[in-house]
Amino acid sequence: MGQQAHAGVLLGNAGQVAGGIRRSATKSGVAEGDRKPVENCDRYLLKNTWCDTA
């Protein structure tokens, strides 16, 4: 993740960061079979939003 994504997570915007990661993978043409790491990251961010500080 880039610095802006890290800041987004720390500022309580994990859901938006997760959505951005998915959109980037889609726009970049990541094949369905290669999306597992993207989906794992997305799922982790969404499941752990309880730690958001905003």
N, C-alpha and C. Protein backbone atom coordinates (compact mmCIF):
# COMPACT_ATOMS: atom_id res chain seq x y z
N MET A 1 0.85 -1.19 0.00
CA MET A 1 0.00 0.00 0.00
C MET A 1 0.89 1.24 0.00
N GLY A 2 0.38 2.27 -0.63
CA GLY A 2 1.10 3.53 -0.67
C GLY A 2 0.87 4.34 0.60
N GLN A 3 1.59 5.44 0.72
CA GLN A 3 1.48 6.29 1.92
C GLN A 3 0.07 6.83 2.10
N GLN A 4 -0.60 7.19 1.01
CA GLN A 4 -1.96 7.71 1.13
C GLN A 4 -2.91 6.65 1.66
N ALA A 5 -2.71 5.40 1.23
CA ALA A 5 -3.56 4.31 1.71
C ALA A 5 -3.33 4.09 3.20
N HIS A 6 -2.06 4.10 3.62
CA HIS A 6 -1.76 3.95 5.05
C HIS A 6 -2.42 5.05 5.85
N ALA A 7 -2.32 6.26 5.37
CA ALA A 7 -2.94 7.39 6.07
C ALA A 7 -4.45 7.22 6.11
N GLY A 8 -5.04 6.75 5.02
CA GLY A 8 -6.49 6.54 4.98
C GLY A 8 -6.94 5.54 6.02
N VAL A 9 -6.19 4.46 6.17
CA VAL A 9 -6.53 3.45 7.17
C VAL A 9 -6.40 4.04 8.56
N LEU A 10 -5.32 4.75 8.80
CA LEU A 10 -5.09 5.33 10.13
C LEU A 10 -6.11 6.41 10.47
N LEU A 11 -6.65 7.06 9.46
CA LEU A 11 -7.65 8.11 9.70
C LEU A 11 -9.08 7.58 9.74
N GLY A 12 -9.22 6.27 9.68
CA GLY A 12 -10.55 5.67 9.80
C GLY A 12 -11.28 5.45 8.49
N ASN A 13 -10.56 5.44 7.40
CA ASN A 13 -11.18 5.26 6.09
C ASN A 13 -10.84 3.91 5.48
N ALA A 14 -10.79 2.87 6.30
CA ALA A 14 -10.39 1.55 5.81
C ALA A 14 -11.31 1.05 4.72
N GLY A 15 -12.60 1.32 4.82
CA GLY A 15 -13.55 0.89 3.80
C GLY A 15 -13.27 1.52 2.45
N GLN A 16 -12.94 2.79 2.46
CA GLN A 16 -12.62 3.48 1.21
C GLN A 16 -11.31 2.98 0.62
N VAL A 17 -10.35 2.70 1.48
CA VAL A 17 -9.07 2.17 1.01
C VAL A 17 -9.29 0.79 0.39
N ALA A 18 -10.08 -0.04 1.06
CA ALA A 18 -10.36 -1.39 0.54
C ALA A 18 -11.04 -1.30 -0.83
N GLY A 19 -11.99 -0.40 -0.97
CA GLY A 19 -12.66 -0.22 -2.25
C GLY A 19 -11.70 0.25 -3.33
N GLY A 20 -10.79 1.14 -2.96
CA GLY A 20 -9.79 1.63 -3.92
C GLY A 20 -8.85 0.53 -4.39
N ILE A 21 -8.50 -0.36 -3.47
CA ILE A 21 -7.63 -1.48 -3.83
C ILE A 21 -8.34 -2.38 -4.82
N ARG A 22 -9.60 -2.66 -4.57
CA ARG A 22 -10.37 -3.51 -5.50
C ARG A 22 -10.52 -2.83 -6.86
N ARG A 23 -10.84 -1.54 -6.86
CA ARG A 23 -10.99 -0.82 -8.13
C ARG A 23 -9.68 -0.83 -8.91
N SER A 24 -8.56 -0.63 -8.23
CA SER A 24 -7.26 -0.64 -8.90
C SER A 24 -6.99 -1.99 -9.55
N ALA A 25 -7.31 -3.06 -8.84
CA ALA A 25 -7.10 -4.39 -9.39
C ALA A 25 -7.97 -4.61 -10.62
N THR A 26 -9.20 -4.14 -10.56
CA THR A 26 -10.12 -4.30 -11.69
C THR A 26 -9.63 -3.48 -12.89
N LYS A 27 -9.30 -2.21 -12.65
CA LYS A 27 -8.85 -1.34 -13.75
C LYS A 27 -7.52 -1.81 -14.34
N SER A 28 -6.68 -2.43 -13.52
CA SER A 28 -5.39 -2.92 -14.00
C SER A 28 -5.51 -4.23 -14.75
N GLY A 29 -6.70 -4.82 -14.71
CA GLY A 29 -6.93 -6.06 -15.44
C GLY A 29 -6.39 -7.29 -14.74
N VAL A 30 -6.32 -7.27 -13.42
CA VAL A 30 -5.86 -8.44 -12.68
C VAL A 30 -6.85 -9.58 -12.94
N ALA A 31 -6.33 -10.71 -13.38
CA ALA A 31 -7.17 -11.86 -13.72
C ALA A 31 -7.88 -12.38 -12.48
N GLU A 32 -9.05 -12.95 -12.70
CA GLU A 32 -9.88 -13.47 -11.61
C GLU A 32 -9.09 -14.44 -10.72
N GLY A 33 -8.31 -15.29 -11.33
CA GLY A 33 -7.52 -16.26 -10.57
C GLY A 33 -6.39 -15.66 -9.77
N ASP A 34 -5.97 -14.45 -10.12
CA ASP A 34 -4.85 -13.78 -9.43
C ASP A 34 -5.32 -12.77 -8.39
N ARG A 35 -6.61 -12.69 -8.16
CA ARG A 35 -7.15 -11.67 -7.26
C ARG A 35 -7.17 -12.08 -5.79
N LYS A 36 -6.76 -13.30 -5.48
CA LYS A 36 -6.84 -13.78 -4.10
C LYS A 36 -6.13 -12.84 -3.12
N PRO A 37 -4.89 -12.39 -3.38
CA PRO A 37 -4.25 -11.47 -2.43
C PRO A 37 -5.02 -10.16 -2.27
N VAL A 38 -5.61 -9.67 -3.36
CA VAL A 38 -6.39 -8.44 -3.30
C VAL A 38 -7.62 -8.65 -2.42
N GLU A 39 -8.30 -9.77 -2.65
CA GLU A 39 -9.49 -10.07 -1.86
C GLU A 39 -9.16 -10.29 -0.38
N ASN A 40 -8.02 -10.93 -0.11
CA ASN A 40 -7.60 -11.15 1.27
C ASN A 40 -7.34 -9.82 1.98
N CYS A 41 -6.67 -8.92 1.31
CA CYS A 41 -6.37 -7.60 1.88
C CYS A 41 -7.67 -6.83 2.12
N ASP A 42 -8.53 -6.83 1.12
CA ASP A 42 -9.81 -6.14 1.21
C ASP A 42 -10.63 -6.68 2.39
N ARG A 43 -10.72 -7.99 2.48
CA ARG A 43 -11.49 -8.63 3.56
C ARG A 43 -10.90 -8.27 4.93
N TYR A 44 -9.57 -8.29 5.03
CA TYR A 44 -8.91 -7.95 6.30
C TYR A 44 -9.25 -6.52 6.72
N LEU A 45 -9.13 -5.59 5.78
CA LEU A 45 -9.42 -4.19 6.11
C LEU A 45 -10.86 -4.00 6.56
N LEU A 46 -11.79 -4.65 5.85
CA LEU A 46 -13.21 -4.49 6.19
C LEU A 46 -13.56 -5.17 7.51
N LYS A 47 -12.95 -6.30 7.80
CA LYS A 47 -13.23 -7.01 9.06
C LYS A 47 -12.64 -6.29 10.26
N ASN A 48 -11.59 -5.53 10.05
CA ASN A 48 -10.88 -4.92 11.16
C ASN A 48 -11.13 -3.42 11.27
N THR A 49 -12.28 -2.97 10.80
CA THR A 49 -12.58 -1.55 10.90
C THR A 49 -12.88 -1.12 12.31
N TRP A 50 -13.04 -2.08 13.23
CA TRP A 50 -13.29 -1.75 14.64
C TRP A 50 -12.15 -0.94 15.22
N CYS A 51 -10.95 -1.06 14.60
CA CYS A 51 -9.80 -0.34 15.15
C CYS A 51 -9.69 1.06 14.57
N ASP A 52 -10.64 1.47 13.72
CA ASP A 52 -10.64 2.82 13.18
C ASP A 52 -10.74 3.83 14.32
N THR A 53 -10.03 4.93 14.20
CA THR A 53 -9.99 5.92 15.27
C THR A 53 -10.82 7.15 14.97
N ALA A 54 -11.41 7.22 13.78
CA ALA A 54 -12.19 8.41 13.41
C ALA A 54 -13.56 8.41 14.03
